[in-house]
C-alpha atoms as a PDB file:
ATOM      1  CA  MET A   1      82.277  89.167 -41.162  1.00  0.00           C
ATOM      2  CA  ASP A   2      85.157  87.223 -39.678  1.00  0.00           C
ATOM      3  CA  GLU A   3      88.428  87.978 -41.471  1.00  0.00           C
ATOM      4  CA  ILE A   4      89.506  84.314 -41.411  1.00  0.00           C
ATOM      5  CA  CYS A   5      86.645  83.341 -43.740  1.00  0.00           C
ATOM      6  CA  SER A   6      86.839  84.078 -47.420  1.00  0.00           C
ATOM      7  CA  PRO A   7      83.689  83.471 -49.480  1.00  0.00           C
ATOM      8  CA  HIS A   8      83.966  84.448 -53.128  1.00  0.00           C
ATOM      9  CA  GLN A   9      81.314  85.610 -55.553  1.00  0.00           C
ATOM     10  CA  ARG A  10      81.463  82.759 -58.015  1.00  0.00           C
ATOM     11  CA  LYS A  11      79.709  79.486 -58.649  1.00  0.00           C
ATOM     12  CA  GLY A  12      81.129  76.561 -56.748  1.00  0.00           C
ATOM     13  CA  GLU A  13      80.649  74.404 -53.686  1.00  0.00           C
ATOM     14  CA  ARG A  14      79.702  75.486 -50.190  1.00  0.00           C
ATOM     15  CA  ASN A  15      80.185  73.605 -46.945  1.00  0.00           C
ATOM     16  CA  ILE A  16      76.876  73.838 -45.093  1.00  0.00           C
ATOM     17  CA  PHE A  17      78.421  72.099 -42.056  1.00  0.00           C
ATOM     18  CA  CYS A  18      81.075  74.788 -41.530  1.00  0.00           C
ATOM     19  CA  SER A  19      80.808  76.685 -38.238  1.00  0.00           C
ATOM     20  CA  PHE A  20      81.181  79.950 -40.186  1.00  0.00           C
ATOM     21  CA  TYR A  21      78.558  79.169 -42.858  1.00  0.00           C
ATOM     22  CA  ASN A  22      75.910  81.509 -41.409  1.00  0.00           C
ATOM     23  CA  GLY A  23      78.324  84.439 -41.345  1.00  0.00           C
ATOM     24  CA  CYS A  24      79.395  83.842 -44.934  1.00  0.00           C
ATOM     25  CA  LEU A  25      75.785  83.474 -46.034  1.00  0.00           C
ATOM     26  CA  ASP A  26      74.890  86.753 -44.317  1.00  0.00           C
ATOM     27  CA  HIS A  27      77.826  88.427 -46.077  1.00  0.00           C
ATOM     28  CA  ALA A  28      76.722  87.081 -49.472  1.00  0.00           C
ATOM     29  CA  ILE A  29      73.188  88.347 -48.850  1.00  0.00           C
ATOM     30  CA  ARG A  30      74.390  91.820 -47.793  1.00  0.00           C
ATOM     31  CA  GLU A  31      76.484  92.008 -50.969  1.00  0.00           C
ATOM     32  CA  SER A  32      73.526  90.743 -53.091  1.00  0.00           C
ATOM     33  CA  TRP A  33      75.548  87.850 -54.515  1.00  0.00           C
ATOM     34  CA  PRO A  34      73.398  85.418 -56.530  1.00  0.00           C
ATOM     35  CA  TYR A  35      75.875  82.624 -55.644  1.00  0.00           C
ATOM     36  CA  TRP A  36      79.088  82.165 -53.694  1.00  0.00           C
ATOM     37  CA  ASP A  37      81.825  79.643 -53.093  1.00  0.00           C
ATOM     38  CA  CYS A  38      83.973  78.399 -50.168  1.00  0.00           C
ATOM     39  CA  GLY A  39      86.757  77.176 -52.476  1.00  0.00           C
ATOM     40  CA  ASP A  40      89.652  79.268 -51.127  1.00  0.00           C
ATOM     41  CA  CYS A  41      88.587  79.330 -47.477  1.00  0.00           C
ATOM     42  CA  GLN A  42      90.720  77.605 -44.858  1.00  0.00           C
ATOM     43  CA  HIS A  43      87.487  76.245 -43.310  1.00  0.00           C
ATOM     44  CA  LYS A  44      86.359  74.543 -46.525  1.00  0.00           C
ATOM     45  CA  PHE A  45      86.346  71.096 -44.891  1.00  0.00           C
ATOM     46  CA  ASP A  46      85.241  72.161 -41.383  1.00  0.00           C
ATOM     47  CA  GLN A  47      82.492  69.901 -40.026  1.00  0.00           C
ATOM     48  CA  GLY A  48      81.945  71.721 -36.714  1.00  0.00           C
ATOM     49  CA  ALA A  49      78.243  72.410 -37.254  1.00  0.00           C
ATOM     50  CA  ARG A  50      77.334  68.870 -38.331  1.00  0.00           C
ATOM     51  CA  ALA A  51      74.714  67.426 -36.017  1.00  0.00           C
ATOM     52  CA  GLU A  52      75.701  64.233 -34.274  1.00  0.00           C
ATOM     53  CA  ILE A  53      73.242  61.454 -34.972  1.00  0.00           C
ATOM     54  CA  VAL A  54      72.901  58.842 -32.272  1.00  0.00           C
ATOM     55  CA  PHE A  55      72.197  55.343 -33.497  1.00  0.00           C
ATOM     56  CA  SER A  56      71.173  52.500 -31.240  1.00  0.00           C
ATOM     57  CA  ALA A  57      70.565  48.826 -31.832  1.00  0.00           C
ATOM     58  CA  GLY A  58      67.336  48.602 -29.910  1.00  0.00           C
ATOM     59  CA  ASN A  59      63.911  47.395 -30.968  1.00  0.00           C
ATOM     60  CA  ALA A  60      63.171  50.510 -32.991  1.00  0.00           C
ATOM     61  CA  VAL A  61      61.377  48.518 -35.702  1.00  0.00           C
ATOM     62  CA  GLU A  62      58.324  46.558 -34.723  1.00  0.00           C
ATOM     63  CA  ASN A  63      58.135  42.947 -35.881  1.00  0.00           C
ATOM     64  CA  TYR A  64      54.878  41.188 -36.577  1.00  0.00           C
ATOM     65  CA  ASP A  65      54.199  37.488 -37.068  1.00  0.00           C
ATOM     66  CA  LEU A  66      51.975  36.908 -40.076  1.00  0.00           C
ATOM     67  CA  SER A  67      49.878  33.854 -40.671  1.00  0.00           C
ATOM     68  CA  VAL A  68      50.852  31.697 -43.636  1.00  0.00           C
ATOM     69  CA  GLU A  69      47.192  30.794 -44.220  1.00  0.00           C
ATOM     70  CA  LEU A  70      45.123  32.984 -46.531  1.00  0.00           C
END
């Protein structure tokens, strides 16, 4: 495990978007931790692994004209 990461065996919050998340998860599994926390890690707010979502203002939603008559 990378020495700059510091997961702790305690309940708390984890940052799933951190670039080091997989390494910390592997460490927690090897140590048989039932839960772990990123609270004291310097990468707690890292968003490096967040997928970039591309939005466009095209005609993604089809429009239909409906008759007023029943």
